[in-house]
């Protein structure tokens, strides 16, 4: 996979090393598999860098139309979505992979009965 030439917005450039890992992943399944392939130390470093800044990131992204984010902001958003996976590893599992689950594995979610507004 080629690294993106799009930089993050200036105030979030400290996240560039993590955007190189997470920012170009477009699906939940890609992020799920990425978490499994990273070391716990990498996930913990990502979590430590981003989790305390989430409010700042979301306040910034709230200034844009979520359905038409400019590419730098979309890459920031995708990077933040990676934190959903890193947080599971750091806050729940205490390791990069789901305990007692085969590696690699994936999860398929199917929404039944949900009707968007």
PDB file of N, CA and C in Angstrom:
ATOM      1  N   UNK A   1       0.847  -1.169   0.000  1.00  0.00           N
ATOM      2  CA  UNK A   1       0.000   0.000   0.000  1.00  0.00           C
ATOM      3  C   UNK A   1       0.896   1.236   0.000  1.00  0.00           C
ATOM      4  N   UNK A   2       0.608   2.178  -0.866  1.00  0.00           N
ATOM      5  CA  UNK A   2       1.370   3.421  -0.928  1.00  0.00           C
ATOM      6  C   UNK A   2       0.953   4.360   0.189  1.00  0.00           C
ATOM      7  N   UNK A   3       1.936   5.073   0.722  1.00  0.00           N
ATOM      8  CA  UNK A   3       1.611   6.065   1.749  1.00  0.00           C
ATOM      9  C   UNK A   3       0.933   7.257   1.089  1.00  0.00           C
ATOM     10  N   UNK A   4       0.021   7.845   1.780  1.00  0.00           N
ATOM     11  CA  UNK A   4      -0.709   8.986   1.261  1.00  0.00           C
ATOM     12  C   UNK A   4       0.194  10.210   1.177  1.00  0.00           C
ATOM     13  N   UNK A   5       0.010  10.986   0.123  1.00  0.00           N
ATOM     14  CA  UNK A   5       0.739  12.245  -0.021  1.00  0.00           C
ATOM     15  C   UNK A   5       0.006  13.374   0.690  1.00  0.00           C
ATOM     16  N   UNK A   6      -1.174  13.100   1.196  1.00  0.00           N
ATOM     17  CA  UNK A   6      -1.977  14.102   1.892  1.00  0.00           C
ATOM     18  C   UNK A   6      -1.521  14.194   3.343  1.00  0.00           C
ATOM     19  N   UNK A   7      -1.151  15.393   3.766  1.00  0.00           N
ATOM     20  CA  UNK A   7      -0.767  15.610   5.159  1.00  0.00           C
ATOM     21  C   UNK A   7      -2.002  15.884   5.995  1.00  0.00           C
ATOM     22  N   UNK A   8      -1.882  15.634   7.267  1.00  0.00           N
ATOM     23  CA  UNK A   8      -2.951  15.977   8.202  1.00  0.00           C
ATOM     24  C   UNK A   8      -2.981  17.488   8.389  1.00  0.00           C
ATOM     25  N   UNK A   9      -4.105  18.030   8.852  1.00  0.00           N
ATOM     26  CA  UNK A   9      -4.150  19.458   9.169  1.00  0.00           C
ATOM     27  C   UNK A   9      -3.024  19.814  10.146  1.00  0.00           C
ATOM     28  N   UNK A  10      -2.510  21.014  10.013  1.00  0.00           N
ATOM     29  CA  UNK A  10      -1.305  21.443  10.746  1.00  0.00           C
ATOM     30  C   UNK A  10      -1.313  21.106  12.234  1.00  0.00           C
ATOM     31  N   UNK A  11      -2.406  21.401  12.930  1.00  0.00           N
ATOM     32  CA  UNK A  11      -2.427  21.196  14.382  1.00  0.00           C
ATOM     33  C   UNK A  11      -2.426  19.715  14.780  1.00  0.00           C
ATOM     34  N   UNK A  12      -2.582  18.826  13.797  1.00  0.00           N
ATOM     35  CA  UNK A  12      -2.595  17.396  14.078  1.00  0.00           C
ATOM     36  C   UNK A  12      -1.448  16.658  13.392  1.00  0.00           C
ATOM     37  N   UNK A  13      -0.458  17.385  12.930  1.00  0.00           N
ATOM     38  CA  UNK A  13       0.678  16.759  12.231  1.00  0.00           C
ATOM     39  C   UNK A  13       1.457  15.815  13.137  1.00  0.00           C
ATOM     40  N   UNK A  14       1.366  15.996  14.450  1.00  0.00           N
ATOM     41  CA  UNK A  14       2.046  15.079  15.369  1.00  0.00           C
ATOM     42  C   UNK A  14       1.512  13.651  15.227  1.00  0.00           C
ATOM     43  N   UNK A  15       0.350  13.507  14.583  1.00  0.00           N
ATOM     44  CA  UNK A  15      -0.242  12.186  14.365  1.00  0.00           C
ATOM     45  C   UNK A  15       0.189  11.544  13.048  1.00  0.00           C
ATOM     46  N   UNK A  16       1.035  12.219  12.268  1.00  0.00           N
ATOM     47  CA  UNK A  16       1.442  11.687  10.962  1.00  0.00           C
ATOM     48  C   UNK A  16       1.979  10.260  11.023  1.00  0.00           C
ATOM     49  N   UNK A  17       2.830   9.908  12.007  1.00  0.00           N
ATOM     50  CA  UNK A  17       3.300   8.513  12.020  1.00  0.00           C
ATOM     51  C   UNK A  17       2.152   7.511  12.155  1.00  0.00           C
ATOM     52  N   UNK A  18       1.111   7.901  12.851  1.00  0.00           N
ATOM     53  CA  UNK A  18      -0.039   7.015  13.043  1.00  0.00           C
ATOM     54  C   UNK A  18      -0.967   7.061  11.820  1.00  0.00           C
ATOM     55  N   UNK A  19      -1.048   8.216  11.173  1.00  0.00           N
ATOM     56  CA  UNK A  19      -1.832   8.326   9.940  1.00  0.00           C
ATOM     57  C   UNK A  19      -1.221   7.463   8.842  1.00  0.00           C
ATOM     58  N   UNK A  20       0.107   7.299   8.878  1.00  0.00           N
ATOM     59  CA  UNK A  20       0.767   6.428   7.903  1.00  0.00           C
ATOM     60  C   UNK A  20       0.298   4.984   8.051  1.00  0.00           C
ATOM     61  N   UNK A  21      -0.119   4.613   9.247  1.00  0.00           N
ATOM     62  CA  UNK A  21      -0.597   3.258   9.527  1.00  0.00           C
ATOM     63  C   UNK A  21      -2.110   3.147   9.325  1.00  0.00           C
ATOM     64  N   UNK A  22      -2.862   4.110   9.850  1.00  0.00           N
ATOM     65  CA  UNK A  22      -4.319   4.013   9.914  1.00  0.00           C
ATOM     66  C   UNK A  22      -5.063   4.898   8.916  1.00  0.00           C
ATOM     67  N   UNK A  23      -4.452   5.973   8.461  1.00  0.00           N
ATOM     68  CA  UNK A  23      -5.165   7.003   7.707  1.00  0.00           C
ATOM     69  C   UNK A  23      -5.643   6.619   6.328  1.00  0.00           C
ATOM     70  N   UNK A  24      -5.095   5.554   5.776  1.00  0.00           N
ATOM     71  CA  UNK A  24      -5.516   5.141   4.439  1.00  0.00           C
ATOM     72  C   UNK A  24      -6.365   3.877   4.457  1.00  0.00           C
ATOM     73  N   UNK A  25      -6.784   3.470   5.648  1.00  0.00           N
ATOM     74  CA  UNK A  25      -7.670   2.303   5.778  1.00  0.00           C
ATOM     75  C   UNK A  25      -9.116   2.798   5.715  1.00  0.00           C
ATOM     76  N   UNK A  26      -9.869   2.250   4.789  1.00  0.00           N
ATOM     77  CA  UNK A  26     -11.212   2.770   4.523  1.00  0.00           C
ATOM     78  C   UNK A  26     -12.342   1.916   5.088  1.00  0.00           C
ATOM     79  N   UNK A  27     -12.026   0.766   5.665  1.00  0.00           N
ATOM     80  CA  UNK A  27     -13.112  -0.071   6.179  1.00  0.00           C
ATOM     81  C   UNK A  27     -12.802  -0.555   7.593  1.00  0.00           C
ATOM     82  N   UNK A  28     -13.844  -0.929   8.292  1.00  0.00           N
ATOM     83  CA  UNK A  28     -13.693  -1.458   9.639  1.00  0.00           C
ATOM     84  C   UNK A  28     -12.892  -2.752   9.595  1.00  0.00           C
ATOM     85  N   UNK A  29     -13.105  -3.574   8.581  1.00  0.00           N
ATOM     86  CA  UNK A  29     -12.384  -4.831   8.478  1.00  0.00           C
ATOM     87  C   UNK A  29     -10.882  -4.595   8.299  1.00  0.00           C
ATOM     88  N   UNK A  30     -10.507  -3.597   7.492  1.00  0.00           N
ATOM     89  CA  UNK A  30      -9.086  -3.263   7.329  1.00  0.00           C
ATOM     90  C   UNK A  30      -8.481  -2.840   8.669  1.00  0.00           C
ATOM     91  N   UNK A  31      -9.205  -2.029   9.419  1.00  0.00           N
ATOM     92  CA  UNK A  31      -8.704  -1.582  10.722  1.00  0.00           C
ATOM     93  C   UNK A  31      -8.610  -2.741  11.712  1.00  0.00           C
ATOM     94  N   UNK A  32      -9.596  -3.622  11.686  1.00  0.00           N
ATOM     95  CA  UNK A  32      -9.603  -4.788  12.574  1.00  0.00           C
ATOM     96  C   UNK A  32      -8.384  -5.672  12.323  1.00  0.00           C
ATOM     97  N   UNK A  33      -8.104  -5.935  11.053  1.00  0.00           N
ATOM     98  CA  UNK A  33      -6.948  -6.759  10.692  1.00  0.00           C
ATOM     99  C   UNK A  33      -5.633  -6.039  10.988  1.00  0.00           C
ATOM    100  N   UNK A  34      -5.601  -4.726  10.806  1.00  0.00           N
ATOM    101  CA  UNK A  34      -4.392  -3.955  11.100  1.00  0.00           C
ATOM    102  C   UNK A  34      -4.042  -4.062  12.578  1.00  0.00           C
ATOM    103  N   UNK A  35      -5.043  -3.939  13.449  1.00  0.00           N
ATOM    104  CA  UNK A  35      -4.775  -4.057  14.884  1.00  0.00           C
ATOM    105  C   UNK A  35      -4.088  -5.377  15.191  1.00  0.00           C
ATOM    106  N   UNK A  36      -4.555  -6.445  14.594  1.00  0.00           N
ATOM    107  CA  UNK A  36      -3.988  -7.758  14.859  1.00  0.00           C
ATOM    108  C   UNK A  36      -2.533  -7.862  14.404  1.00  0.00           C
ATOM    109  N   UNK A  37      -2.162  -7.100  13.395  1.00  0.00           N
ATOM    110  CA  UNK A  37      -0.813  -7.210  12.828  1.00  0.00           C
ATOM    111  C   UNK A  37       0.211  -6.320  13.535  1.00  0.00           C
ATOM    112  N   UNK A  38      -0.245  -5.392  14.358  1.00  0.00           N
ATOM    113  CA  UNK A  38       0.662  -4.469  15.044  1.00  0.00           C
ATOM    114  C   UNK A  38       1.054  -5.014  16.408  1.00  0.00           C
ATOM    115  N   UNK A  39       2.166  -4.528  16.912  1.00  0.00           N
ATOM    116  CA  UNK A  39       2.573  -4.917  18.264  1.00  0.00           C
ATOM    117  C   UNK A  39       1.744  -4.142  19.278  1.00  0.00           C
ATOM    118  N   UNK A  40       1.678  -4.683  20.471  1.00  0.00           N
ATOM    119  CA  UNK A  40       0.972  -3.990  21.541  1.00  0.00           C
ATOM    120  C   UNK A  40       1.612  -2.627  21.806  1.00  0.00           C
ATOM    121  N   UNK A  41       2.932  -2.553  21.742  1.00  0.00           N
ATOM    122  CA  UNK A  41       3.640  -1.288  21.952  1.00  0.00           C
ATOM    123  C   UNK A  41       3.243  -0.227  20.947  1.00  0.00           C
ATOM    124  N   UNK A  42       3.069  -0.624  19.679  1.00  0.00           N
ATOM    125  CA  UNK A  42       2.630   0.326  18.656  1.00  0.00           C
ATOM    126  C   UNK A  42       1.216   0.822  18.938  1.00  0.00           C
ATOM    127  N   UNK A  43       0.349  -0.080  19.334  1.00  0.00           N
ATOM    128  CA  UNK A  43      -1.033   0.297  19.650  1.00  0.00           C
ATOM    129  C   UNK A  43      -1.093   1.193  20.874  1.00  0.00           C
ATOM    130  N   UNK A  44      -0.283   0.882  21.866  1.00  0.00           N
ATOM    131  CA  UNK A  44      -0.248   1.676  23.088  1.00  0.00           C
ATOM    132  C   UNK A  44       0.284   3.091  22.810  1.00  0.00           C
ATOM    133  N   UNK A  45       1.295   3.204  21.946  1.00  0.00           N
ATOM    134  CA  UNK A  45       1.837   4.523  21.591  1.00  0.00           C
ATOM    135  C   UNK A  45       0.783   5.356  20.864  1.00  0.00           C
ATOM    136  N   UNK A  46       0.051   4.733  19.948  1.00  0.00           N
ATOM    137  CA  UNK A  46      -1.020   5.414  19.221  1.00  0.00           C
ATOM    138  C   UNK A  46      -2.099   5.878  20.199  1.00  0.00           C
ATOM    139  N   UNK A  47      -2.521   4.991  21.058  1.00  0.00           N
ATOM    140  CA  UNK A  47      -3.548   5.310  22.050  1.00  0.00           C
ATOM    141  C   UNK A  47      -3.098   6.478  22.930  1.00  0.00           C
ATOM    142  N   UNK A  48      -1.863   6.434  23.392  1.00  0.00           N
ATOM    143  CA  UNK A  48      -1.339   7.494  24.271  1.00  0.00           C
ATOM    144  C   UNK A  48      -1.270   8.841  23.575  1.00  0.00           C
ATOM    145  N   UNK A  49      -0.962   8.829  22.290  1.00  0.00           N
ATOM    146  CA  UNK A  49      -0.844  10.084  21.545  1.00  0.00           C
ATOM    147  C   UNK A  49      -2.199  10.689  21.205  1.00  0.00           C
ATOM    148  N   UNK A  50      -3.172   9.851  20.847  1.00  0.00           N
ATOM    149  CA  UNK A  50      -4.439  10.367  20.322  1.00  0.00           C
ATOM    150  C   UNK A  50      -5.561  10.462  21.352  1.00  0.00           C
ATOM    151  N   UNK A  51      -5.690   9.502  22.225  1.00  0.00           N
ATOM    152  CA  UNK A  51      -6.839   9.492  23.147  1.00  0.00           C
ATOM    153  C   UNK A  51      -7.011  10.811  23.906  1.00  0.00           C
ATOM    154  N   UNK A  52      -5.939  11.415  24.431  1.00  0.00           N
ATOM    155  CA  UNK A  52      -6.126  12.681  25.159  1.00  0.00           C
ATOM    156  C   UNK A  52      -6.520  13.854  24.261  1.00  0.00           C
ATOM    157  N   UNK A  53      -6.401  13.706  22.951  1.00  0.00           N
ATOM    158  CA  UNK A  53      -6.692  14.791  22.008  1.00  0.00           C
ATOM    159  C   UNK A  53      -8.012  14.606  21.269  1.00  0.00           C
ATOM    160  N   UNK A  54      -8.779  13.579  21.622  1.00  0.00           N
ATOM    161  CA  UNK A  54     -10.011  13.296  20.873  1.00  0.00           C
ATOM    162  C   UNK A  54     -10.987  14.468  20.868  1.00  0.00           C
ATOM    163  N   UNK A  55     -11.178  15.099  21.989  1.00  0.00           N
ATOM    164  CA  UNK A  55     -12.119  16.219  22.031  1.00  0.00           C
ATOM    165  C   UNK A  55     -11.676  17.323  21.068  1.00  0.00           C
ATOM    166  N   UNK A  56     -10.396  17.606  21.049  1.00  0.00           N
ATOM    167  CA  UNK A  56      -9.855  18.615  20.143  1.00  0.00           C
ATOM    168  C   UNK A  56     -10.050  18.209  18.681  1.00  0.00           C
ATOM    169  N   UNK A  57      -9.797  16.951  18.373  1.00  0.00           N
ATOM    170  CA  UNK A  57      -9.977  16.461  16.999  1.00  0.00           C
ATOM    171  C   UNK A  57     -11.437  16.549  16.590  1.00  0.00           C
ATOM    172  N   UNK A  58     -12.343  16.083  17.446  1.00  0.00           N
ATOM    173  CA  UNK A  58     -13.766  16.107  17.094  1.00  0.00           C
ATOM    174  C   UNK A  58     -14.299  17.539  16.991  1.00  0.00           C
ATOM    175  N   UNK A  59     -13.839  18.422  17.855  1.00  0.00           N
ATOM    176  CA  UNK A  59     -14.251  19.827  17.752  1.00  0.00           C
ATOM    177  C   UNK A  59     -13.813  20.404  16.410  1.00  0.00           C
ATOM    178  N   UNK A  60     -12.619  20.062  15.997  1.00  0.00           N
ATOM    179  CA  UNK A  60     -12.118  20.529  14.700  1.00  0.00           C
ATOM    180  C   UNK A  60     -12.951  19.940  13.557  1.00  0.00           C
ATOM    181  N   UNK A  61     -13.164  18.630  13.576  1.00  0.00           N
ATOM    182  CA  UNK A  61     -13.900  17.979  12.484  1.00  0.00           C
ATOM    183  C   UNK A  61     -15.360  18.410  12.434  1.00  0.00           C
ATOM    184  N   UNK A  62     -15.929  18.811  13.569  1.00  0.00           N
ATOM    185  CA  UNK A  62     -17.312  19.288  13.596  1.00  0.00           C
ATOM    186  C   UNK A  62     -17.506  20.537  12.739  1.00  0.00           C
ATOM    187  N   UNK A  63     -16.422  21.215  12.393  1.00  0.00           N
ATOM    188  CA  UNK A  63     -16.510  22.401  11.552  1.00  0.00           C
ATOM    189  C   UNK A  63     -16.676  22.096  10.075  1.00  0.00           C
ATOM    190  N   UNK A  64     -16.762  20.823   9.728  1.00  0.00           N
ATOM    191  CA  UNK A  64     -16.870  20.400   8.328  1.00  0.00           C
ATOM    192  C   UNK A  64     -18.123  19.573   8.125  1.00  0.00           C
ATOM    193  N   UNK A  65     -18.598  19.541   6.894  1.00  0.00           N
ATOM    194  CA  UNK A  65     -19.702  18.668   6.517  1.00  0.00           C
ATOM    195  C   UNK A  65     -19.164  17.240   6.510  1.00  0.00           C
ATOM    196  N   UNK A  66     -19.707  16.388   7.348  1.00  0.00           N
ATOM    197  CA  UNK A  66     -19.209  15.016   7.483  1.00  0.00           C
ATOM    198  C   UNK A  66     -19.326  14.213   6.191  1.00  0.00           C
ATOM    199  N   UNK A  67     -20.221  14.614   5.307  1.00  0.00           N
ATOM    200  CA  UNK A  67     -20.395  13.877   4.051  1.00  0.00           C
ATOM    201  C   UNK A  67     -19.489  14.395   2.938  1.00  0.00           C
ATOM    202  N   UNK A  68     -18.723  15.448   3.230  1.00  0.00           N
ATOM    203  CA  UNK A  68     -17.858  16.026   2.197  1.00  0.00           C
ATOM    204  C   UNK A  68     -16.562  16.562   2.818  1.00  0.00           C
ATOM    205  N   UNK A  69     -15.908  15.726   3.608  1.00  0.00           N
ATOM    206  CA  UNK A  69     -14.675  16.168   4.252  1.00  0.00           C
ATOM    207  C   UNK A  69     -13.574  16.384   3.209  1.00  0.00           C
ATOM    208  N   UNK A  70     -12.825  17.472   3.326  1.00  0.00           N
ATOM    209  CA  UNK A  70     -11.629  17.612   2.490  1.00  0.00           C
ATOM    210  C   UNK A  70     -10.686  16.440   2.798  1.00  0.00           C
ATOM    211  N   UNK A  71      -9.801  16.111   1.862  1.00  0.00           N
ATOM    212  CA  UNK A  71      -8.991  14.899   2.014  1.00  0.00           C
ATOM    213  C   UNK A  71      -8.137  14.890   3.286  1.00  0.00           C
ATOM    214  N   UNK A  72      -7.548  16.010   3.662  1.00  0.00           N
ATOM    215  CA  UNK A  72      -6.724  16.029   4.885  1.00  0.00           C
ATOM    216  C   UNK A  72      -7.580  15.713   6.106  1.00  0.00           C
ATOM    217  N   UNK A  73      -8.773  16.248   6.152  1.00  0.00           N
ATOM    218  CA  UNK A  73      -9.669  15.996   7.279  1.00  0.00           C
ATOM    219  C   UNK A  73     -10.215  14.572   7.231  1.00  0.00           C
ATOM    220  N   UNK A  74     -10.466  14.056   6.031  1.00  0.00           N
ATOM    221  CA  UNK A  74     -10.925  12.673   5.894  1.00  0.00           C
ATOM    222  C   UNK A  74      -9.837  11.708   6.375  1.00  0.00           C
ATOM    223  N   UNK A  75      -8.595  12.009   6.084  1.00  0.00           N
ATOM    224  CA  UNK A  75      -7.487  11.174   6.541  1.00  0.00           C
ATOM    225  C   UNK A  75      -7.362  11.245   8.064  1.00  0.00           C
ATOM    226  N   UNK A  76      -7.554  12.424   8.634  1.00  0.00           N
ATOM    227  CA  UNK A  76      -7.567  12.567  10.088  1.00  0.00           C
ATOM    228  C   UNK A  76      -8.695  11.731  10.685  1.00  0.00           C
ATOM    229  N   UNK A  77      -9.865  11.804  10.101  1.00  0.00           N
ATOM    230  CA  UNK A  77     -11.020  11.042  10.574  1.00  0.00           C
ATOM    231  C   UNK A  77     -10.739   9.531  10.527  1.00  0.00           C
ATOM    232  N   UNK A  78     -10.157   9.056   9.408  1.00  0.00           N
ATOM    233  CA  UNK A  78      -9.841   7.636   9.296  1.00  0.00           C
ATOM    234  C   UNK A  78      -8.783   7.228  10.331  1.00  0.00           C
ATOM    235  N   UNK A  79      -7.845   8.133  10.604  1.00  0.00           N
ATOM    236  CA  UNK A  79      -6.843   7.853  11.634  1.00  0.00           C
ATOM    237  C   UNK A  79      -7.513   7.699  12.990  1.00  0.00           C
ATOM    238  N   UNK A  80      -8.446   8.588  13.292  1.00  0.00           N
ATOM    239  CA  UNK A  80      -9.183   8.516  14.561  1.00  0.00           C
ATOM    240  C   UNK A  80      -9.986   7.222  14.643  1.00  0.00           C
ATOM    241  N   UNK A  81     -10.551   6.778  13.533  1.00  0.00           N
ATOM    242  CA  UNK A  81     -11.285   5.513  13.551  1.00  0.00           C
ATOM    243  C   UNK A  81     -10.373   4.355  13.944  1.00  0.00           C
ATOM    244  N   UNK A  82      -9.098   4.460  13.611  1.00  0.00           N
ATOM    245  CA  UNK A  82      -8.146   3.438  14.030  1.00  0.00           C
ATOM    246  C   UNK A  82      -8.045   3.324  15.537  1.00  0.00           C
ATOM    247  N   UNK A  83      -8.325   4.417  16.227  1.00  0.00           N
ATOM    248  CA  UNK A  83      -8.266   4.386  17.688  1.00  0.00           C
ATOM    249  C   UNK A  83      -9.323   3.454  18.270  1.00  0.00           C
ATOM    250  N   UNK A  84     -10.402   3.214  17.559  1.00  0.00           N
ATOM    251  CA  UNK A  84     -11.407   2.271  18.064  1.00  0.00           C
ATOM    252  C   UNK A  84     -10.789   0.888  18.232  1.00  0.00           C
ATOM    253  N   UNK A  85      -9.906   0.532  17.325  1.00  0.00           N
ATOM    254  CA  UNK A  85      -9.222  -0.760  17.420  1.00  0.00           C
ATOM    255  C   UNK A  85      -8.117  -0.731  18.463  1.00  0.00           C
ATOM    256  N   UNK A  86      -7.305   0.316  18.453  1.00  0.00           N
ATOM    257  CA  UNK A  86      -6.213   0.412  19.425  1.00  0.00           C
ATOM    258  C   UNK A  86      -6.764   0.447  20.849  1.00  0.00           C
ATOM    259  N   UNK A  87      -7.882   1.118  21.041  1.00  0.00           N
ATOM    260  CA  UNK A  87      -8.478   1.212  22.382  1.00  0.00           C
ATOM    261  C   UNK A  87      -8.914  -0.147  22.897  1.00  0.00           C
ATOM    262  N   UNK A  88      -9.444  -0.985  22.032  1.00  0.00           N
ATOM    263  CA  UNK A  88      -9.811  -2.334  22.466  1.00  0.00           C
ATOM    264  C   UNK A  88      -8.584  -3.082  22.978  1.00  0.00           C
ATOM    265  N   UNK A  89      -7.492  -2.973  22.240  1.00  0.00           N
ATOM    266  CA  UNK A  89      -6.263  -3.659  22.629  1.00  0.00           C
ATOM    267  C   UNK A  89      -5.750  -3.143  23.966  1.00  0.00           C
ATOM    268  N   UNK A  90      -5.715  -1.824  24.122  1.00  0.00           N
ATOM    269  CA  UNK A  90      -5.127  -1.209  25.315  1.00  0.00           C
ATOM    270  C   UNK A  90      -6.063  -1.283  26.515  1.00  0.00           C
ATOM    271  N   UNK A  91      -7.334  -0.982  26.311  1.00  0.00           N
ATOM    272  CA  UNK A  91      -8.263  -0.853  27.431  1.00  0.00           C
ATOM    273  C   UNK A  91      -8.994  -2.144  27.794  1.00  0.00           C
ATOM    274  N   UNK A  92      -9.089  -3.078  26.841  1.00  0.00           N
ATOM    275  CA  UNK A  92      -9.872  -4.284  27.092  1.00  0.00           C
ATOM    276  C   UNK A  92      -9.001  -5.541  27.110  1.00  0.00           C
ATOM    277  N   UNK A  93      -8.283  -5.797  26.012  1.00  0.00           N
ATOM    278  CA  UNK A  93      -7.554  -7.057  25.876  1.00  0.00           C
ATOM    279  C   UNK A  93      -6.206  -7.071  26.592  1.00  0.00           C
ATOM    280  N   UNK A  94      -5.557  -5.905  26.676  1.00  0.00           N
ATOM    281  CA  UNK A  94      -4.204  -5.861  27.212  1.00  0.00           C
ATOM    282  C   UNK A  94      -3.193  -6.504  26.284  1.00  0.00           C
ATOM    283  N   UNK A  95      -3.554  -6.655  25.027  1.00  0.00           N
ATOM    284  CA  UNK A  95      -2.706  -7.228  23.990  1.00  0.00           C
ATOM    285  C   UNK A  95      -3.303  -6.869  22.640  1.00  0.00           C
ATOM    286  N   UNK A  96      -2.531  -7.049  21.585  1.00  0.00           N
ATOM    287  CA  UNK A  96      -2.975  -6.625  20.256  1.00  0.00           C
ATOM    288  C   UNK A  96      -4.100  -7.489  19.689  1.00  0.00           C
ATOM    289  N   UNK A  97      -4.119  -8.747  20.063  1.00  0.00           N
ATOM    290  CA  UNK A  97      -5.080  -9.680  19.481  1.00  0.00           C
ATOM    291  C   UNK A  97      -6.122 -10.107  20.509  1.00  0.00           C
ATOM    292  N   UNK A  98      -7.264 -10.520  19.997  1.00  0.00           N
ATOM    293  CA  UNK A  98      -8.333 -11.018  20.861  1.00  0.00           C
ATOM    294  C   UNK A  98      -7.853 -12.313  21.509  1.00  0.00           C
ATOM    295  N   UNK A  99      -7.889 -12.387  22.825  1.00  0.00           N
ATOM    296  CA  UNK A  99      -7.426 -13.607  23.485  1.00  0.00           C
ATOM    297  C   UNK A  99      -8.184 -14.843  22.993  1.00  0.00           C
ATOM    298  N   UNK A 100      -7.452 -15.906  22.755  1.00  0.00           N
ATOM    299  CA  UNK A 100      -7.979 -17.223  22.377  1.00  0.00           C
ATOM    300  C   UNK A 100      -8.627 -17.254  20.990  1.00  0.00           C
ATOM    301  N   UNK A 101      -8.477 -16.196  20.217  1.00  0.00           N
ATOM    302  CA  UNK A 101      -9.013 -16.182  18.855  1.00  0.00           C
ATOM    303  C   UNK A 101      -7.889 -16.523  17.890  1.00  0.00           C
ATOM    304  N   UNK A 102      -8.202 -17.203  16.789  1.00  0.00           N
ATOM    305  CA  UNK A 102      -7.153 -17.517  15.816  1.00  0.00           C
ATOM    306  C   UNK A 102      -6.626 -16.243  15.166  1.00  0.00           C
ATOM    307  N   UNK A 103      -5.403 -16.307  14.688  1.00  0.00           N
ATOM    308  CA  UNK A 103      -4.804 -15.156  13.995  1.00  0.00           C
ATOM    309  C   UNK A 103      -4.468 -15.574  12.577  1.00  0.00           C
ATOM    310  N   UNK A 104      -4.787 -14.764  11.606  1.00  0.00           N
ATOM    311  CA  UNK A 104      -5.698 -13.617  11.697  1.00  0.00           C
ATOM    312  C   UNK A 104      -7.135 -14.097  11.628  1.00  0.00           C
ATOM    313  N   UNK A 105      -8.031 -13.253  12.053  1.00  0.00           N
ATOM    314  CA  UNK A 105      -9.453 -13.543  11.914  1.00  0.00           C
ATOM    315  C   UNK A 105     -10.172 -12.229  11.646  1.00  0.00           C
ATOM    316  N   UNK A 106     -11.383 -12.331  11.198  1.00  0.00           N
ATOM    317  CA  UNK A 106     -12.172 -11.125  10.971  1.00  0.00           C
ATOM    318  C   UNK A 106     -13.563 -11.349  11.534  1.00  0.00           C
ATOM    319  N   UNK A 107     -14.275 -10.258  11.615  1.00  0.00           N
ATOM    320  CA  UNK A 107     -15.638 -10.283  12.147  1.00  0.00           C
ATOM    321  C   UNK A 107     -16.534  -9.660  11.096  1.00  0.00           C
ATOM    322  N   UNK A 108     -17.619 -10.305  10.813  1.00  0.00           N
ATOM    323  CA  UNK A 108     -18.581  -9.753   9.872  1.00  0.00           C
ATOM    324  C   UNK A 108     -19.795  -9.291  10.661  1.00  0.00           C
ATOM    325  N   UNK A 109     -20.125  -8.012  10.491  1.00  0.00           N
ATOM    326  CA  UNK A 109     -21.303  -7.464  11.160  1.00  0.00           C
ATOM    327  C   UNK A 109     -22.404  -7.263  10.134  1.00  0.00           C
ATOM    328  N   UNK A 110     -23.579  -7.624  10.514  1.00  0.00           N
ATOM    329  CA  UNK A 110     -24.728  -7.444   9.646  1.00  0.00           C
ATOM    330  C   UNK A 110     -25.798  -6.705  10.418  1.00  0.00           C
ATOM    331  N   UNK A 111     -26.203  -5.580   9.882  1.00  0.00           N
ATOM    332  CA  UNK A 111     -27.234  -4.776  10.534  1.00  0.00           C
ATOM    333  C   UNK A 111     -28.595  -5.263  10.049  1.00  0.00           C
ATOM    334  N   UNK A 112     -29.407  -5.706  10.985  1.00  0.00           N
ATOM    335  CA  UNK A 112     -30.736  -6.208  10.647  1.00  0.00           C
ATOM    336  C   UNK A 112     -31.754  -5.347  11.386  1.00  0.00           C
ATOM    337  N   UNK A 113     -32.668  -4.806  10.642  1.00  0.00           N
ATOM    338  CA  UNK A 113     -33.746  -4.052  11.262  1.00  0.00           C
ATOM    339  C   UNK A 113     -33.427  -2.592  11.524  1.00  0.00           C
ATOM    340  N   UNK A 114     -32.186  -2.187  11.287  1.00  0.00           N
ATOM    341  CA  UNK A 114     -31.832  -0.781  11.509  1.00  0.00           C
ATOM    342  C   UNK A 114     -32.302   0.054  10.340  1.00  0.00           C
ATOM    343  N   UNK A 115     -33.001   1.117  10.639  1.00  0.00           N
ATOM    344  CA  UNK A 115     -33.478   2.032   9.610  1.00  0.00           C
ATOM    345  C   UNK A 115     -32.890   3.422   9.865  1.00  0.00           C
ATOM    346  N   UNK A 116     -32.001   3.877   8.997  1.00  0.00           N
ATOM    347  CA  UNK A 116     -31.437   5.243   9.202  1.00  0.00           C
ATOM    348  C   UNK A 116     -32.540   6.285   9.142  1.00  0.00           C
ATOM    349  N   UNK A 117     -32.314   7.380   9.820  1.00  0.00           N
ATOM    350  CA  UNK A 117     -33.317   8.464   9.880  1.00  0.00           C
ATOM    351  C   UNK A 117     -33.436   9.160   8.557  1.00  0.00           C
TER     352      UNK A 117
END
